[in-house]
Amino acid sequence: MSTILTPANQLTLLRMLLVPVFVICMLYDMPGWALVTFAAAGATDLFDGLVARLTKQQSDLGAWLDPAADKLLLLSMFVMLTVPNAALANRLPVWLTVLVISRDIGIVLTVAIINLATGPRTFRPSIYGKIATATYIVTAVVAMFFNYRGYPSPVVTLFVYASLAITLISGLHYVLHASRIVNS
């Protein structure tokens, strides 16, 4: 049991448990608590991989849990910061949320199709995917900070376009990577 529930996997599970807390804070108009909860969840993303490497306890479970936790947290964040009826000073545009979710669905479907067609393969996250995740987290923190402050900010717009750019770059990188695998 101890090899499965490593400290790194515990941090990843904590991130997953913080998602409903974040959503509840957003739904009940508690922007300060939503920001604190999301920042704590984002910090677990930073530390789980580091802890796994430092303790040499990288696991297959962690390799599956970590991206699942990331997707769950980011999907919840994008939806909650896009909801039209929410009283937010800084709402993320629907087009960005649709683009990011579509990219993630495309990646998951591509991995599934390649695994079915060519047999099991391991897809390591690319540097662009990691940068995208970090950019999304910072975009959310910035938007929630200014929502907590209660006024719109052009800084949020800057991060929205940074998220757009890295979404397109990482999406293109995954397409090129998948085509290389299929062609080989």
C-alpha atoms as a PDB file:
ATOM      1  CA  MET A   1       0.000   0.000   0.000  1.00  0.00           C
ATOM      2  CA  SER A   2       2.807   2.427   0.820  1.00  0.00           C
ATOM      3  CA  THR A   3       4.290   2.106  -2.684  1.00  0.00           C
ATOM      4  CA  ILE A   4       0.979   3.149  -4.234  1.00  0.00           C
ATOM      5  CA  LEU A   5       0.117   5.987  -1.871  1.00  0.00           C
ATOM      6  CA  THR A   6       3.443   7.793  -2.083  1.00  0.00           C
ATOM      7  CA  PRO A   7       3.743  11.365  -0.781  1.00  0.00           C
ATOM      8  CA  ALA A   8       3.649  12.608  -4.384  1.00  0.00           C
ATOM      9  CA  ASN A   9       0.443  10.657  -5.097  1.00  0.00           C
ATOM     10  CA  GLN A  10      -1.043  12.011  -1.872  1.00  0.00           C
ATOM     11  CA  LEU A  11      -0.374  15.559  -3.118  1.00  0.00           C
ATOM     12  CA  THR A  12      -2.038  14.693  -6.423  1.00  0.00           C
ATOM     13  CA  LEU A  13      -5.077  13.270  -4.614  1.00  0.00           C
ATOM     14  CA  LEU A  14      -5.222  16.419  -2.482  1.00  0.00           C
ATOM     15  CA  ARG A  15      -5.370  18.460  -5.705  1.00  0.00           C
ATOM     16  CA  MET A  16      -8.323  16.366  -6.840  1.00  0.00           C
ATOM     17  CA  LEU A  17     -10.068  16.855  -3.482  1.00  0.00           C
ATOM     18  CA  LEU A  18      -9.571  20.623  -3.676  1.00  0.00           C
ATOM     19  CA  VAL A  19     -11.461  20.840  -6.996  1.00  0.00           C
ATOM     20  CA  PRO A  20     -14.977  20.584  -5.502  1.00  0.00           C
ATOM     21  CA  VAL A  21     -13.975  23.032  -2.759  1.00  0.00           C
ATOM     22  CA  PHE A  22     -12.865  25.494  -5.446  1.00  0.00           C
ATOM     23  CA  VAL A  23     -16.108  25.044  -7.406  1.00  0.00           C
ATOM     24  CA  ILE A  24     -18.226  25.552  -4.278  1.00  0.00           C
ATOM     25  CA  CYS A  25     -16.303  28.719  -3.399  1.00  0.00           C
ATOM     26  CA  MET A  26     -16.910  30.050  -6.916  1.00  0.00           C
ATOM     27  CA  LEU A  27     -20.599  29.116  -6.887  1.00  0.00           C
ATOM     28  CA  TYR A  28     -21.171  30.763  -3.512  1.00  0.00           C
ATOM     29  CA  ASP A  29     -19.359  33.968  -4.497  1.00  0.00           C
ATOM     30  CA  MET A  30     -16.352  33.556  -2.230  1.00  0.00           C
ATOM     31  CA  PRO A  31     -13.618  34.784  -4.589  1.00  0.00           C
ATOM     32  CA  GLY A  32     -10.945  35.057  -1.898  1.00  0.00           C
ATOM     33  CA  TRP A  33     -11.417  31.470  -0.767  1.00  0.00           C
ATOM     34  CA  ALA A  34     -11.660  30.310  -4.385  1.00  0.00           C
ATOM     35  CA  LEU A  35      -8.305  31.972  -5.056  1.00  0.00           C
ATOM     36  CA  VAL A  36      -6.676  30.428  -1.973  1.00  0.00           C
ATOM     37  CA  THR A  37      -8.076  26.984  -2.807  1.00  0.00           C
ATOM     38  CA  PHE A  38      -7.002  27.169  -6.443  1.00  0.00           C
ATOM     39  CA  ALA A  39      -3.529  28.444  -5.515  1.00  0.00           C
ATOM     40  CA  ALA A  40      -3.132  25.569  -3.033  1.00  0.00           C
ATOM     41  CA  ALA A  41      -4.221  23.082  -5.700  1.00  0.00           C
ATOM     42  CA  GLY A  42      -1.797  24.674  -8.171  1.00  0.00           C
ATOM     43  CA  ALA A  43       0.999  24.370  -5.611  1.00  0.00           C
ATOM     44  CA  THR A  44       0.356  20.624  -5.282  1.00  0.00           C
ATOM     45  CA  ASP A  45       0.889  20.398  -9.050  1.00  0.00           C
ATOM     46  CA  LEU A  46       4.249  22.075  -8.656  1.00  0.00           C
ATOM     47  CA  PHE A  47       5.374  19.890  -5.768  1.00  0.00           C
ATOM     48  CA  ASP A  48       4.036  16.401  -6.577  1.00  0.00           C
ATOM     49  CA  GLY A  49       6.478  15.793  -9.426  1.00  0.00           C
ATOM     50  CA  LEU A  50       9.328  17.327  -7.481  1.00  0.00           C
ATOM     51  CA  VAL A  51       8.606  15.135  -4.457  1.00  0.00           C
ATOM     52  CA  ALA A  52       8.364  12.025  -6.664  1.00  0.00           C
ATOM     53  CA  ARG A  53      11.748  12.715  -8.247  1.00  0.00           C
ATOM     54  CA  LEU A  54      13.502  13.670  -5.008  1.00  0.00           C
ATOM     55  CA  THR A  55      12.224  10.598  -3.142  1.00  0.00           C
ATOM     56  CA  LYS A  56      12.681   8.368  -6.225  1.00  0.00           C
ATOM     57  CA  GLN A  57       9.054   7.256  -5.881  1.00  0.00           C
ATOM     58  CA  GLN A  58       7.764   7.876  -9.362  1.00  0.00           C
ATOM     59  CA  SER A  59       4.932   5.458 -10.027  1.00  0.00           C
ATOM     60  CA  ASP A  60       2.633   4.300 -12.799  1.00  0.00           C
ATOM     61  CA  LEU A  61      -0.314   5.466 -10.694  1.00  0.00           C
ATOM     62  CA  GLY A  62       1.239   8.925 -10.396  1.00  0.00           C
ATOM     63  CA  ALA A  63       1.861   9.014 -14.148  1.00  0.00           C
ATOM     64  CA  TRP A  64      -1.899   8.567 -14.658  1.00  0.00           C
ATOM     65  CA  LEU A  65      -3.192  10.519 -11.660  1.00  0.00           C
ATOM     66  CA  ASP A  66      -1.172  13.695 -12.200  1.00  0.00           C
ATOM     67  CA  PRO A  67      -2.474  14.573 -15.677  1.00  0.00           C
ATOM     68  CA  ALA A  68      -6.006  13.518 -14.645  1.00  0.00           C
ATOM     69  CA  ALA A  69      -5.834  15.856 -11.643  1.00  0.00           C
ATOM     70  CA  ASP A  70      -4.496  18.641 -13.873  1.00  0.00           C
ATOM     71  CA  LYS A  71      -7.319  18.190 -16.365  1.00  0.00           C
ATOM     72  CA  LEU A  72      -9.951  18.089 -13.614  1.00  0.00           C
ATOM     73  CA  LEU A  73      -8.618  21.243 -11.953  1.00  0.00           C
ATOM     74  CA  LEU A  74      -8.162  23.170 -15.192  1.00  0.00           C
ATOM     75  CA  LEU A  75     -11.505  22.113 -16.661  1.00  0.00           C
ATOM     76  CA  SER A  76     -13.269  23.227 -13.480  1.00  0.00           C
ATOM     77  CA  MET A  77     -11.361  26.505 -13.440  1.00  0.00           C
ATOM     78  CA  PHE A  78     -12.075  27.333 -17.074  1.00  0.00           C
ATOM     79  CA  VAL A  79     -15.774  26.537 -16.724  1.00  0.00           C
ATOM     80  CA  MET A  80     -16.171  28.482 -13.462  1.00  0.00           C
ATOM     81  CA  LEU A  81     -14.341  31.551 -14.809  1.00  0.00           C
ATOM     82  CA  THR A  82     -16.358  31.469 -18.042  1.00  0.00           C
ATOM     83  CA  VAL A  83     -19.895  30.981 -16.686  1.00  0.00           C
ATOM     84  CA  PRO A  84     -21.918  33.910 -18.068  1.00  0.00           C
ATOM     85  CA  ASN A  85     -24.187  34.347 -15.029  1.00  0.00           C
ATOM     86  CA  ALA A  86     -21.352  34.637 -12.511  1.00  0.00           C
ATOM     87  CA  ALA A  87     -20.774  38.120 -11.091  1.00  0.00           C
ATOM     88  CA  LEU A  88     -17.135  38.308 -12.163  1.00  0.00           C
ATOM     89  CA  ALA A  89     -15.228  41.460 -13.050  1.00  0.00           C
ATOM     90  CA  ASN A  90     -12.813  39.329 -15.098  1.00  0.00           C
ATOM     91  CA  ARG A  91     -14.457  36.499 -16.981  1.00  0.00           C
ATOM     92  CA  LEU A  92     -12.470  34.252 -19.299  1.00  0.00           C
ATOM     93  CA  PRO A  93     -13.798  34.298 -22.869  1.00  0.00           C
ATOM     94  CA  VAL A  94     -15.895  31.345 -23.987  1.00  0.00           C
ATOM     95  CA  TRP A  95     -13.704  30.899 -27.066  1.00  0.00           C
ATOM     96  CA  LEU A  96     -10.629  30.316 -24.896  1.00  0.00           C
ATOM     97  CA  THR A  97     -12.403  27.754 -22.729  1.00  0.00           C
ATOM     98  CA  VAL A  98     -13.718  25.920 -25.791  1.00  0.00           C
ATOM     99  CA  LEU A  99     -10.280  25.976 -27.434  1.00  0.00           C
ATOM    100  CA  VAL A 100      -8.441  24.658 -24.361  1.00  0.00           C
ATOM    101  CA  ILE A 101     -10.992  21.909 -23.706  1.00  0.00           C
ATOM    102  CA  SER A 102     -11.025  20.941 -27.400  1.00  0.00           C
ATOM    103  CA  ARG A 103      -7.221  20.713 -27.406  1.00  0.00           C
ATOM    104  CA  ASP A 104      -7.280  18.427 -24.378  1.00  0.00           C
ATOM    105  CA  ILE A 105      -9.997  16.226 -25.853  1.00  0.00           C
ATOM    106  CA  GLY A 106      -8.017  16.052 -29.105  1.00  0.00           C
ATOM    107  CA  ILE A 107      -4.881  14.981 -27.249  1.00  0.00           C
ATOM    108  CA  VAL A 108      -6.702  12.299 -25.249  1.00  0.00           C
ATOM    109  CA  LEU A 109      -8.437  10.935 -28.365  1.00  0.00           C
ATOM    110  CA  THR A 110      -5.188  10.929 -30.351  1.00  0.00           C
ATOM    111  CA  VAL A 111      -3.354   9.034 -27.596  1.00  0.00           C
ATOM    112  CA  ALA A 112      -6.221   6.525 -27.373  1.00  0.00           C
ATOM    113  CA  ILE A 113      -6.314   5.994 -31.152  1.00  0.00           C
ATOM    114  CA  ILE A 114      -2.528   5.589 -31.425  1.00  0.00           C
ATOM    115  CA  ASN A 115      -2.534   3.132 -28.507  1.00  0.00           C
ATOM    116  CA  LEU A 116      -5.313   1.114 -30.116  1.00  0.00           C
ATOM    117  CA  ALA A 117      -3.685   1.169 -33.557  1.00  0.00           C
ATOM    118  CA  THR A 118      -0.052   0.559 -32.635  1.00  0.00           C
ATOM    119  CA  GLY A 119      -0.171  -0.960 -29.161  1.00  0.00           C
ATOM    120  CA  PRO A 120       0.538   0.604 -25.796  1.00  0.00           C
ATOM    121  CA  ARG A 121       2.876   3.567 -25.896  1.00  0.00           C
ATOM    122  CA  THR A 122       3.949   6.002 -23.241  1.00  0.00           C
ATOM    123  CA  PHE A 123       3.351   9.643 -24.029  1.00  0.00           C
ATOM    124  CA  ARG A 124       5.495  11.862 -21.884  1.00  0.00           C
ATOM    125  CA  PRO A 125       4.202  15.392 -21.427  1.00  0.00           C
ATOM    126  CA  SER A 126       5.990  17.843 -23.698  1.00  0.00           C
ATOM    127  CA  ILE A 127       7.623  21.004 -22.445  1.00  0.00           C
ATOM    128  CA  TYR A 128       4.912  22.941 -24.299  1.00  0.00           C
ATOM    129  CA  GLY A 129       2.193  21.039 -22.461  1.00  0.00           C
ATOM    130  CA  LYS A 130       3.874  21.818 -19.149  1.00  0.00           C
ATOM    131  CA  ILE A 131       4.195  25.486 -20.082  1.00  0.00           C
ATOM    132  CA  ALA A 132       0.527  25.491 -21.107  1.00  0.00           C
ATOM    133  CA  THR A 133      -0.539  24.057 -17.743  1.00  0.00           C
ATOM    134  CA  ALA A 134       1.569  26.620 -15.875  1.00  0.00           C
ATOM    135  CA  THR A 135       0.206  29.440 -18.045  1.00  0.00           C
ATOM    136  CA  TYR A 136      -3.383  28.347 -17.406  1.00  0.00           C
ATOM    137  CA  ILE A 137      -2.773  28.236 -13.664  1.00  0.00           C
ATOM    138  CA  VAL A 138      -1.214  31.711 -13.651  1.00  0.00           C
ATOM    139  CA  THR A 139      -4.048  33.035 -15.854  1.00  0.00           C
ATOM    140  CA  ALA A 140      -6.583  31.677 -13.371  1.00  0.00           C
ATOM    141  CA  VAL A 141      -4.756  33.103 -10.352  1.00  0.00           C
ATOM    142  CA  VAL A 142      -4.489  36.531 -11.997  1.00  0.00           C
ATOM    143  CA  ALA A 143      -8.173  36.518 -13.012  1.00  0.00           C
ATOM    144  CA  MET A 144      -9.283  35.380  -9.553  1.00  0.00           C
ATOM    145  CA  PHE A 145      -7.046  37.939  -7.849  1.00  0.00           C
ATOM    146  CA  PHE A 146      -8.638  40.786  -9.796  1.00  0.00           C
ATOM    147  CA  ASN A 147     -12.091  39.246  -9.298  1.00  0.00           C
ATOM    148  CA  TYR A 148     -11.383  39.256  -5.575  1.00  0.00           C
ATOM    149  CA  ARG A 149     -10.336  42.904  -5.851  1.00  0.00           C
ATOM    150  CA  GLY A 150     -13.577  43.510  -7.764  1.00  0.00           C
ATOM    151  CA  TYR A 151     -12.372  45.333 -10.856  1.00  0.00           C
ATOM    152  CA  PRO A 152     -11.482  44.438 -14.441  1.00  0.00           C
ATOM    153  CA  SER A 153      -7.804  44.395 -15.337  1.00  0.00           C
ATOM    154  CA  PRO A 154      -5.945  44.447 -18.652  1.00  0.00           C
ATOM    155  CA  VAL A 155      -3.423  42.078 -17.040  1.00  0.00           C
ATOM    156  CA  VAL A 156      -6.084  39.352 -17.258  1.00  0.00           C
ATOM    157  CA  THR A 157      -6.462  40.055 -20.985  1.00  0.00           C
ATOM    158  CA  LEU A 158      -2.698  39.726 -21.414  1.00  0.00           C
ATOM    159  CA  PHE A 159      -2.775  36.286 -19.773  1.00  0.00           C
ATOM    160  CA  VAL A 160      -5.819  35.247 -21.830  1.00  0.00           C
ATOM    161  CA  TYR A 161      -3.798  35.855 -25.006  1.00  0.00           C
ATOM    162  CA  ALA A 162      -0.724  34.146 -23.528  1.00  0.00           C
ATOM    163  CA  SER A 163      -2.990  31.133 -22.857  1.00  0.00           C
ATOM    164  CA  LEU A 164      -4.264  31.295 -26.432  1.00  0.00           C
ATOM    165  CA  ALA A 165      -0.719  31.347 -27.826  1.00  0.00           C
ATOM    166  CA  ILE A 166       0.553  28.415 -25.758  1.00  0.00           C
ATOM    167  CA  THR A 167      -2.622  26.432 -26.480  1.00  0.00           C
ATOM    168  CA  LEU A 168      -2.009  26.777 -30.213  1.00  0.00           C
ATOM    169  CA  ILE A 169       1.733  26.066 -29.907  1.00  0.00           C
ATOM    170  CA  SER A 170       1.292  22.997 -27.700  1.00  0.00           C
ATOM    171  CA  GLY A 171      -1.605  21.724 -29.807  1.00  0.00           C
ATOM    172  CA  LEU A 172       0.501  21.970 -32.963  1.00  0.00           C
ATOM    173  CA  HIS A 173       3.417  20.278 -31.209  1.00  0.00           C
ATOM    174  CA  TYR A 174       1.198  17.344 -30.168  1.00  0.00           C
ATOM    175  CA  VAL A 175      -0.133  17.030 -33.750  1.00  0.00           C
ATOM    176  CA  LEU A 176       3.418  16.914 -35.139  1.00  0.00           C
ATOM    177  CA  HIS A 177       4.501  14.417 -32.471  1.00  0.00           C
ATOM    178  CA  ALA A 178       1.506  12.162 -33.161  1.00  0.00           C
ATOM    179  CA  SER A 179       2.124  12.265 -36.912  1.00  0.00           C
ATOM    180  CA  ARG A 180       5.763  11.226 -36.362  1.00  0.00           C
ATOM    181  CA  ILE A 181       4.592   8.248 -34.280  1.00  0.00           C
ATOM    182  CA  VAL A 182       2.027   7.210 -36.892  1.00  0.00           C
ATOM    183  CA  ASN A 183       4.540   7.527 -39.737  1.00  0.00           C
ATOM    184  CA  SER A 184       7.228   5.480 -37.964  1.00  0.00           C
END
